[in-house]
């Protein structure tokens, strides 16, 4: 009897009227938004213009989706082109199947095109995007949970993932490799953010650190998986890919730190001038507001002085009226007193 486990959703699709909302696609979309939003914050902090990250993402994201799907279809071609399979399913990306290796590789090509059009160094842009990309991967892995796919070996640990009976899967409890990798990706994002602040990583080294750290985690999560995969010398293809990419990332970090130490001072031409102009405009606006406030204060003082003068004039007139009244009453009193004396 299972005392505790992570339940799987009964369906990966929610129909909003005629529109199907697929959990896998929803996780990918959320991940893209997080990557662009967080990448924009880091890019601006590095001295770039707001919105540049989104402009380049218009190139990088479509290329990345195509690359991810191509890698999956090529490495798992038997799922689409073997006997009894329908090759049209290779285009049904919403059913799952994006290889991160192809997504990063072809996505980098799209990013390079976008950066070249804007005159921006690709390594600097990649450094700004690195934590956001791996956070996007953390979100994307939950798409596997919606599709009940890519789980690990059978287990009875309290956090086991309960899988229901279905095509190409057997009901039971398995290691939730989607959760392991999602948490690992969050840890990688925190590592890159910390290292970037501590060591001022530049020239693509923050991105290389993300790649190396992700590959280290991918090796052991891939080892736990039980889905069908090509084996080379007894190891899954993705394990070999992760190890090779890990070595390449580390070599890049070492060579880059020696050849191009430090960090780029200018990441986007003209951004510094725009920022300075914006500051000047802000200062001018503040000065105008201060001058207006001073003018209002002077006007208030003038109004106050006028009011004081009016009060003084009113007071003088009132005192004059009182004196006249007293003078008018005095003869009356004197006449009455004289009459009384003579009488």
Foldseek 3Di string as FASTA:
>chain_A
DAPAEAEFDPAQWDDPDPDIDGNLVVLLVVLLVQLQVQLQVLQVVLLDDRPLSVQLQVQLQVQLQVQQLVVQCVFPVCQAPNPPHPVVCSPVCSLDGGHNVRSVVRSLVSSVVSCVVQVFDSLQSLLSRQLSNLLSLLSNLCSCSNNVDQFFAADSPNHWYFDDDDPPDDTHTTHGLSNQLSVQSNVLSVVLVVCCVVFVDAPNLSNLSSLLSSLVSCLVSQVGTDHDADDDPRGGPSNVVSVVSNVVSVVCNVVCCVVPNHHDNDRGPPSVVVVVVVVVVVVVVVVVVVVVVVVVVVVVVVVVVVVVVVVVVVVVVVVVVVVVVVVVVVVVVVVVVVVVVVD
